[in-house]
Amino acid sequence: MRVAPVGGTAVQDHVALAEIELCGELIIAASAADDRLSLESIDEVLKVAEERMDTTDSGA
């Protein structure tokens, strides 16, 4: 049986951590809502509109 070494050998996947954080934000928003989240509410939680504006502003 092989066991991962103890110590500072952890690798961080920043994309995965960001996705986990976004999932957490959605869970919090959904638990606070009285009904299902609308697509607009989901976009707001995920800051989709802000991301689109940043992309549009930069000309990408």
N, C-alpha and C. Protein backbone atom coordinates (compact mmCIF):
# COMPACT_ATOMS: atom_id res chain seq x y z
N MET A 1 0.84 -1.17 0.00
CA MET A 1 0.00 0.00 0.00
C MET A 1 0.89 1.24 0.00
N ARG A 2 0.58 2.18 -0.89
CA ARG A 2 1.35 3.43 -0.95
C ARG A 2 0.52 4.54 -0.33
N VAL A 3 1.18 5.37 0.43
CA VAL A 3 0.52 6.49 1.10
C VAL A 3 1.20 7.77 0.65
N ALA A 4 0.41 8.81 0.40
CA ALA A 4 0.98 10.09 0.01
C ALA A 4 1.87 10.61 1.12
N PRO A 5 3.00 11.18 0.76
CA PRO A 5 3.90 11.73 1.78
C PRO A 5 3.26 12.89 2.53
N VAL A 6 3.60 13.00 3.80
CA VAL A 6 3.09 14.08 4.63
C VAL A 6 4.04 15.27 4.48
N GLY A 7 3.48 16.43 4.39
CA GLY A 7 4.33 17.62 4.28
C GLY A 7 3.86 18.52 3.15
N GLY A 8 4.71 19.41 2.71
CA GLY A 8 4.36 20.42 1.73
C GLY A 8 4.37 19.94 0.31
N THR A 9 3.80 18.79 0.03
CA THR A 9 3.81 18.24 -1.32
C THR A 9 2.46 18.38 -2.02
N ALA A 10 1.51 19.05 -1.41
CA ALA A 10 0.18 19.20 -2.01
C ALA A 10 0.25 20.07 -3.26
N VAL A 11 -0.44 19.64 -4.27
CA VAL A 11 -0.51 20.39 -5.53
C VAL A 11 -1.87 21.07 -5.55
N GLN A 12 -1.87 22.36 -5.88
CA GLN A 12 -3.14 23.08 -5.93
C GLN A 12 -3.53 23.31 -7.38
N ASP A 13 -4.72 22.94 -7.71
CA ASP A 13 -5.28 23.17 -9.03
C ASP A 13 -6.17 24.40 -8.90
N HIS A 14 -5.69 25.54 -9.35
CA HIS A 14 -6.40 26.79 -9.15
C HIS A 14 -7.74 26.83 -9.88
N VAL A 15 -7.82 26.17 -11.02
CA VAL A 15 -9.10 26.12 -11.75
C VAL A 15 -10.11 25.32 -10.95
N ALA A 16 -9.69 24.18 -10.43
CA ALA A 16 -10.59 23.35 -9.63
C ALA A 16 -11.04 24.09 -8.37
N LEU A 17 -10.12 24.79 -7.73
CA LEU A 17 -10.48 25.55 -6.53
C LEU A 17 -11.48 26.66 -6.86
N ALA A 18 -11.32 27.31 -7.99
CA ALA A 18 -12.27 28.36 -8.41
C ALA A 18 -13.63 27.75 -8.68
N GLU A 19 -13.68 26.59 -9.32
CA GLU A 19 -14.95 25.92 -9.59
C GLU A 19 -15.65 25.52 -8.29
N ILE A 20 -14.89 25.03 -7.34
CA ILE A 20 -15.46 24.65 -6.05
C ILE A 20 -16.03 25.88 -5.35
N GLU A 21 -15.32 26.99 -5.41
CA GLU A 21 -15.81 28.23 -4.81
C GLU A 21 -17.12 28.68 -5.47
N LEU A 22 -17.20 28.61 -6.79
CA LEU A 22 -18.42 28.99 -7.50
C LEU A 22 -19.58 28.06 -7.14
N CYS A 23 -19.30 26.78 -7.03
CA CYS A 23 -20.34 25.83 -6.61
C CYS A 23 -20.86 26.16 -5.22
N GLY A 24 -19.95 26.52 -4.34
CA GLY A 24 -20.34 26.92 -2.98
C GLY A 24 -21.23 28.15 -3.00
N GLU A 25 -20.88 29.13 -3.85
CA GLU A 25 -21.70 30.34 -3.96
C GLU A 25 -23.10 29.99 -4.46
N LEU A 26 -23.19 29.08 -5.43
CA LEU A 26 -24.50 28.66 -5.93
C LEU A 26 -25.31 27.95 -4.86
N ILE A 27 -24.66 27.11 -4.09
CA ILE A 27 -25.35 26.38 -3.02
C ILE A 27 -25.89 27.36 -1.99
N ILE A 28 -25.09 28.35 -1.62
CA ILE A 28 -25.54 29.35 -0.65
C ILE A 28 -26.73 30.12 -1.20
N ALA A 29 -26.64 30.56 -2.46
CA ALA A 29 -27.74 31.31 -3.08
C ALA A 29 -29.00 30.46 -3.17
N ALA A 30 -28.85 29.20 -3.55
CA ALA A 30 -30.01 28.32 -3.68
C ALA A 30 -30.65 28.04 -2.33
N SER A 31 -29.86 27.89 -1.29
CA SER A 31 -30.43 27.61 0.03
C SER A 31 -31.14 28.83 0.61
N ALA A 32 -30.73 30.03 0.18
CA ALA A 32 -31.37 31.25 0.67
C ALA A 32 -32.61 31.62 -0.13
N ALA A 33 -32.78 31.02 -1.30
CA ALA A 33 -33.91 31.36 -2.18
C ALA A 33 -35.17 30.63 -1.74
N ASP A 34 -36.31 31.25 -2.00
CA ASP A 34 -37.60 30.63 -1.70
C ASP A 34 -37.99 29.61 -2.76
N ASP A 35 -37.50 29.79 -3.98
CA ASP A 35 -37.84 28.93 -5.11
C ASP A 35 -36.57 28.64 -5.88
N ARG A 36 -36.69 27.99 -7.01
CA ARG A 36 -35.53 27.73 -7.84
C ARG A 36 -34.90 29.03 -8.29
N LEU A 37 -33.59 29.01 -8.48
CA LEU A 37 -32.91 30.20 -8.98
C LEU A 37 -33.21 30.37 -10.46
N SER A 38 -33.49 31.58 -10.86
CA SER A 38 -33.68 31.86 -12.28
C SER A 38 -32.31 31.86 -12.97
N LEU A 39 -32.32 31.77 -14.27
CA LEU A 39 -31.06 31.83 -15.00
C LEU A 39 -30.35 33.15 -14.75
N GLU A 40 -31.12 34.22 -14.63
CA GLU A 40 -30.53 35.53 -14.34
C GLU A 40 -29.87 35.55 -12.96
N SER A 41 -30.51 34.90 -11.99
CA SER A 41 -29.94 34.83 -10.64
C SER A 41 -28.65 34.02 -10.64
N ILE A 42 -28.65 32.93 -11.39
CA ILE A 42 -27.46 32.10 -11.47
C ILE A 42 -26.32 32.89 -12.11
N ASP A 43 -26.64 33.60 -13.20
CA ASP A 43 -25.63 34.43 -13.86
C ASP A 43 -25.08 35.49 -12.90
N GLU A 44 -25.96 36.04 -12.08
CA GLU A 44 -25.53 37.06 -11.12
C GLU A 44 -24.58 36.46 -10.08
N VAL A 45 -24.93 35.28 -9.56
CA VAL A 45 -24.07 34.62 -8.57
C VAL A 45 -22.71 34.28 -9.18
N LEU A 46 -22.73 33.81 -10.43
CA LEU A 46 -21.49 33.42 -11.10
C LEU A 46 -20.76 34.60 -11.73
N LYS A 47 -21.38 35.78 -11.64
CA LYS A 47 -20.79 37.01 -12.18
C LYS A 47 -20.52 36.89 -13.68
N VAL A 48 -21.48 36.27 -14.38
CA VAL A 48 -21.35 36.07 -15.82
C VAL A 48 -21.38 37.39 -16.56
N ALA A 49 -22.29 38.28 -16.20
CA ALA A 49 -22.40 39.56 -16.88
C ALA A 49 -21.11 40.36 -16.73
N GLU A 50 -20.52 40.34 -15.55
CA GLU A 50 -19.26 41.05 -15.32
C GLU A 50 -18.16 40.49 -16.21
N GLU A 51 -18.13 39.18 -16.34
CA GLU A 51 -17.12 38.52 -17.17
C GLU A 51 -17.31 38.90 -18.63
N ARG A 52 -18.55 38.94 -19.09
CA ARG A 52 -18.83 39.33 -20.47
C ARG A 52 -18.40 40.77 -20.72
N MET A 53 -18.67 41.66 -19.76
CA MET A 53 -18.31 43.06 -19.91
C MET A 53 -16.79 43.20 -19.96
N ASP A 54 -16.08 42.46 -19.12
CA ASP A 54 -14.62 42.51 -19.12
C ASP A 54 -14.07 42.07 -20.48
N THR A 55 -14.66 41.04 -21.05
CA THR A 55 -14.22 40.53 -22.34
C THR A 55 -14.53 41.54 -23.44
N THR A 56 -15.71 42.13 -23.37
CA THR A 56 -16.10 43.14 -24.37
C THR A 56 -15.23 44.37 -24.28
N ASP A 57 -14.95 44.82 -23.07
CA ASP A 57 -14.13 46.02 -22.87
C ASP A 57 -12.71 45.83 -23.38
N SER A 58 -12.17 44.62 -23.25
CA SER A 58 -10.79 44.39 -23.64
C SER A 58 -10.65 44.12 -25.14
N GLY A 59 -11.81 43.98 -25.83
CA GLY A 59 -11.78 43.75 -27.26
C GLY A 59 -11.49 42.33 -27.64
N ALA A 60 -11.59 41.41 -26.68
CA ALA A 60 -11.33 40.00 -26.98
C ALA A 60 -12.55 39.32 -27.53
